[in-house]
Amino acid sequence: MRRKANEIERPFKCPIPRCKKSYGSEGSLHQHLKKKHKRFFVKYCLQHKISLDGQGNPIVEDNREEVAPLPDKKIKPSGA
């Protein structure tokens, strides 16, 4: 049975200031960042040497266990 939205624990918070979104999985947070904060997501991937495919999705090599975690603290968007 599918859980209702208010039943989902949401420990993955968006690191962008003034964005109050949080998600139940890291993948959902990455999808939010990719769609709503594209410049931050691309910059984050470049900083952590994460390759993106033609659609902007992270490419995880077979020998890597996981993509680098998002920072714990809020980050100011560039130009702010």
Protein backbone atom coordinates (compact mmCIF):
# COMPACT_ATOMS: atom_id res chain seq x y z
CA MET A 1 0.00 0.00 0.00
CA ARG A 2 1.34 3.41 -0.92
CA ARG A 3 2.07 5.85 1.91
CA LYS A 4 0.32 9.20 2.04
CA ALA A 5 2.46 12.33 1.59
CA ASN A 6 2.16 13.28 5.27
CA GLU A 7 3.38 9.81 6.31
CA ILE A 8 6.74 10.04 4.52
CA GLU A 9 9.79 10.97 6.57
CA ARG A 10 11.72 13.66 4.66
CA PRO A 11 15.34 13.86 5.90
CA PHE A 12 16.82 15.15 2.59
CA LYS A 13 16.45 18.94 2.68
CA CYS A 14 17.17 21.27 -0.22
CA PRO A 15 20.45 23.16 0.45
CA ILE A 16 19.30 26.27 -1.42
CA PRO A 17 18.41 29.20 0.88
CA ARG A 18 14.71 30.10 0.94
CA CYS A 19 13.77 26.73 -0.56
CA LYS A 20 11.76 24.81 2.04
CA LYS A 21 11.49 21.52 0.13
CA SER A 22 12.54 18.21 1.64
CA TYR A 23 12.37 14.66 0.32
CA GLY A 24 12.24 11.05 1.45
CA SER A 25 15.15 9.94 -0.73
CA GLU A 26 18.40 11.39 -2.03
CA GLY A 27 17.32 10.58 -5.58
CA SER A 28 14.19 12.68 -5.18
CA LEU A 29 16.27 15.56 -3.84
CA HIS A 30 18.66 15.28 -6.82
CA GLN A 31 15.67 15.34 -9.18
CA HIS A 32 14.37 18.50 -7.45
CA LEU A 33 17.78 20.17 -7.72
CA LYS A 34 18.07 19.21 -11.37
CA LYS A 35 14.61 20.60 -12.22
CA LYS A 36 14.36 23.65 -9.93
CA HIS A 37 17.98 24.66 -9.24
CA LYS A 38 19.75 23.61 -12.45
CA ARG A 39 22.79 25.93 -12.08
CA PHE A 40 23.47 24.71 -8.54
CA PHE A 41 23.10 21.06 -9.58
CA VAL A 42 25.49 21.39 -12.52
CA LYS A 43 28.02 23.30 -10.35
CA TYR A 44 27.73 20.63 -7.63
CA CYS A 45 28.37 17.87 -10.18
CA LEU A 46 31.39 19.72 -11.61
CA GLN A 47 32.87 20.27 -8.13
CA HIS A 48 32.53 16.57 -7.29
CA LYS A 49 33.67 15.40 -10.74
CA ILE A 50 30.34 13.71 -11.44
CA SER A 51 29.76 13.25 -15.17
CA LEU A 52 26.37 14.14 -16.63
CA ASP A 53 24.75 12.41 -19.57
CA GLY A 54 23.10 14.28 -22.47
CA GLN A 55 19.93 14.79 -20.41
CA GLY A 56 21.76 16.17 -17.36
CA ASN A 57 21.53 12.98 -15.30
CA PRO A 58 24.52 11.94 -13.17
CA ILE A 59 26.55 9.04 -14.57
CA VAL A 60 27.68 6.74 -11.79
CA GLU A 61 30.51 4.41 -12.78
CA ASP A 62 30.22 0.76 -11.76
CA ASN A 63 33.24 1.01 -9.46
CA ARG A 64 31.82 3.96 -7.48
CA GLU A 65 29.57 3.05 -4.59
CA GLU A 66 27.59 6.30 -4.49
CA VAL A 67 27.48 9.88 -5.67
CA ALA A 68 29.07 12.36 -3.25
CA PRO A 69 26.50 13.50 -0.65
CA LEU A 70 24.98 16.94 -0.82
CA PRO A 71 26.37 19.50 1.61
CA ASP A 72 24.71 19.68 5.05
CA LYS A 73 24.65 23.46 5.17
CA LYS A 74 22.57 25.82 3.05
CA ILE A 75 24.44 27.32 0.08
CA LYS A 76 23.87 30.80 -1.31
CA PRO A 77 23.02 30.80 -4.99
CA SER A 78 25.55 32.62 -7.16
CA GLY A 79 24.69 36.29 -7.69
CA ALA A 80 22.85 36.56 -4.36
